[in-house]
């Protein structure tokens, strides 16, 4: 799969997680297994999410 498709899957995953954090009290965490570099990749695509999601990032 090309890099761009992997990156789109990553963005969709993080968007889904952020939505769950905002809408569901039972969903309090998501385990990245120490791979926090994916957050940098996500914020490169959606920098506007950094300010609204500080408690998560």
C-alpha atoms as a PDB file:
ATOM      1  CA  UNK A   1       0.000   0.000   0.000  1.00  0.00           C
ATOM      2  CA  UNK A   2       1.417   3.442  -0.846  1.00  0.00           C
ATOM      3  CA  UNK A   3       2.557   5.781   1.931  1.00  0.00           C
ATOM      4  CA  UNK A   4      -0.313   8.185   1.257  1.00  0.00           C
ATOM      5  CA  UNK A   5      -2.941   5.487   1.856  1.00  0.00           C
ATOM      6  CA  UNK A   6      -1.287   4.488   5.128  1.00  0.00           C
ATOM      7  CA  UNK A   7      -1.244   8.098   6.202  1.00  0.00           C
ATOM      8  CA  UNK A   8      -4.935   8.528   5.364  1.00  0.00           C
ATOM      9  CA  UNK A   9      -5.729   5.469   7.503  1.00  0.00           C
ATOM     10  CA  UNK A  10      -3.742   7.018  10.340  1.00  0.00           C
ATOM     11  CA  UNK A  11      -5.623  10.319  10.067  1.00  0.00           C
ATOM     12  CA  UNK A  12      -8.960   8.499  10.039  1.00  0.00           C
ATOM     13  CA  UNK A  13      -7.974   6.434  13.094  1.00  0.00           C
ATOM     14  CA  UNK A  14      -6.923   9.462  15.134  1.00  0.00           C
ATOM     15  CA  UNK A  15     -10.026  11.409  14.039  1.00  0.00           C
ATOM     16  CA  UNK A  16     -12.202   8.498  15.169  1.00  0.00           C
ATOM     17  CA  UNK A  17     -10.396   8.345  18.515  1.00  0.00           C
ATOM     18  CA  UNK A  18     -10.775  12.083  19.077  1.00  0.00           C
ATOM     19  CA  UNK A  19     -14.465  11.838  18.311  1.00  0.00           C
ATOM     20  CA  UNK A  20     -14.868   9.005  20.808  1.00  0.00           C
ATOM     21  CA  UNK A  21     -13.005  10.988  23.467  1.00  0.00           C
ATOM     22  CA  UNK A  22     -15.362  13.907  22.983  1.00  0.00           C
ATOM     23  CA  UNK A  23     -18.608  11.948  22.779  1.00  0.00           C
ATOM     24  CA  UNK A  24     -18.145   8.955  25.076  1.00  0.00           C
ATOM     25  CA  UNK A  25     -17.258   9.179  28.756  1.00  0.00           C
ATOM     26  CA  UNK A  26     -16.309   5.488  28.840  1.00  0.00           C
ATOM     27  CA  UNK A  27     -13.583   5.970  26.224  1.00  0.00           C
ATOM     28  CA  UNK A  28     -10.721   7.557  28.141  1.00  0.00           C
ATOM     29  CA  UNK A  29      -7.554   6.376  26.413  1.00  0.00           C
ATOM     30  CA  UNK A  30      -5.986   4.871  23.314  1.00  0.00           C
ATOM     31  CA  UNK A  31      -2.721   2.943  23.572  1.00  0.00           C
ATOM     32  CA  UNK A  32      -0.127   3.797  20.919  1.00  0.00           C
ATOM     33  CA  UNK A  33       2.478   1.406  22.392  1.00  0.00           C
ATOM     34  CA  UNK A  34       5.054   4.175  22.667  1.00  0.00           C
ATOM     35  CA  UNK A  35       4.745   5.120  18.998  1.00  0.00           C
ATOM     36  CA  UNK A  36       3.894   8.772  19.539  1.00  0.00           C
ATOM     37  CA  UNK A  37       5.530   9.797  16.262  1.00  0.00           C
ATOM     38  CA  UNK A  38       2.166   9.048  14.632  1.00  0.00           C
ATOM     39  CA  UNK A  39       0.784  12.107  16.435  1.00  0.00           C
ATOM     40  CA  UNK A  40       3.393  14.265  14.711  1.00  0.00           C
ATOM     41  CA  UNK A  41       2.349  12.747  11.388  1.00  0.00           C
ATOM     42  CA  UNK A  42      -1.306  13.376  12.184  1.00  0.00           C
ATOM     43  CA  UNK A  43      -0.689  16.993  13.191  1.00  0.00           C
ATOM     44  CA  UNK A  44       1.284  17.568  10.014  1.00  0.00           C
ATOM     45  CA  UNK A  45      -1.926  16.815   8.095  1.00  0.00           C
ATOM     46  CA  UNK A  46      -4.320  18.478  10.577  1.00  0.00           C
ATOM     47  CA  UNK A  47      -2.418  21.161  12.509  1.00  0.00           C
ATOM     48  CA  UNK A  48      -5.688  22.803  13.547  1.00  0.00           C
ATOM     49  CA  UNK A  49      -6.390  19.839  15.833  1.00  0.00           C
ATOM     50  CA  UNK A  50      -3.418  20.558  18.092  1.00  0.00           C
ATOM     51  CA  UNK A  51      -5.049  23.411  19.961  1.00  0.00           C
ATOM     52  CA  UNK A  52      -8.440  21.724  20.371  1.00  0.00           C
ATOM     53  CA  UNK A  53      -6.904  18.417  21.461  1.00  0.00           C
ATOM     54  CA  UNK A  54      -4.160  19.446  23.902  1.00  0.00           C
ATOM     55  CA  UNK A  55      -5.432  17.227  26.687  1.00  0.00           C
ATOM     56  CA  UNK A  56      -5.047  14.228  24.385  1.00  0.00           C
ATOM     57  CA  UNK A  57      -1.743  15.048  22.762  1.00  0.00           C
END
